[in-house]
Amino acid sequence: MNEHIEKYLTHITLYKACLPRTIKTYRIYLQKFFLETSIVFPEAVSLEAIRTHCARLDIRELNPKTKNLEITIIRTFLKYLELEQNIKFSFNLSRIPYYKIPRYQKLDLPNDDEVHRLIANTDDPLGDLIVNMLFDSGLRLSELSSIQFSQPQKSVSIVGKGGKQRVVFFSERSRALWAVYLRKAKFSQYLFTNNRGNRLDNRTIQRIIRARARVMEISVPVSPHTFRHLFATTALRRGAPLHFLKEFLGHSSSSTTERYLHLTNIDLEKAWEACHN
């Protein structure tokens, strides 16, 4: 199976402009599926085998979005085998089940006081810069860790999901913290590095943020993506047009951005009342 998987990964790298981290995720999920199901030949894949795999996902109590990501990867791989390799399956791929996800899930975000504590200056230049840059820009974790080494800048061009390029902006506060951080940072290809000058991996950044939230006694779980949600909801509260927010966040679909309208409907109602009183 590995030969088929690698051919598929090469295909989506060339024709779908998938980033290396995406390819890595696809490889992990596909290898895991075929290892757990003991399927050696693609023709042996059955709907029952996929349903059994879904049952294993249920046992792990994963987030429905995570489960659907894994199922989507399997389905698109099988679709590739069917269309590109002319491999026939005993069932219609459209019958592969997906998990139902609530259209608008409530976000548990830090309150204003907690946000101020999270982005406040501490004796940790690295952590200070990370949280402030995330709060300013709404960057994804992988986008933050891929920022190239440079002197402080008001705007930076980054490549996001699907190879989509956009410009993100940083406040004067972040630029000042950036300058402080550079006094001790080792010169490297990337801005965020460890003591050996290697690029800081995503898990390390996650640990830095979780530890910071724990010290600050934040009442809700905090992750790098929390700051992306904070950026979006704060922008809407301050009157940012939805199409601008879509560009800031690097969304390919407006419907993805529109969910924040529903998550901030109380604030929008107040804004409407302010305009009509």
Foldseek 3Di string as FASTA:
>chain_A
DVVLLVVVLVVCVVVQVFDPVVSVVLVVLVVVLCVVLVDDDLQPDDLVSLVVVLVVVVVVVDDLVVSQVSLVSVLVSNVCCCPPVVHDYPDDSVPNDGDDDPLFDADDAFDPVLLCQQLDDDPDLQSNLLLQQCLQQLDDLVFQLAAFDDQQDQKDWTQDGSRDIAITGHDPVSNVSLNVVVVPQDHEGTSDDDPVRHRDDSVVSQVSSQVSCVVSVTPDGDGSNSSSLNNLLVCVLVPNDLVVNCRSNVPPDSSVSCSSCVNNVVSVVVVVVVVVD
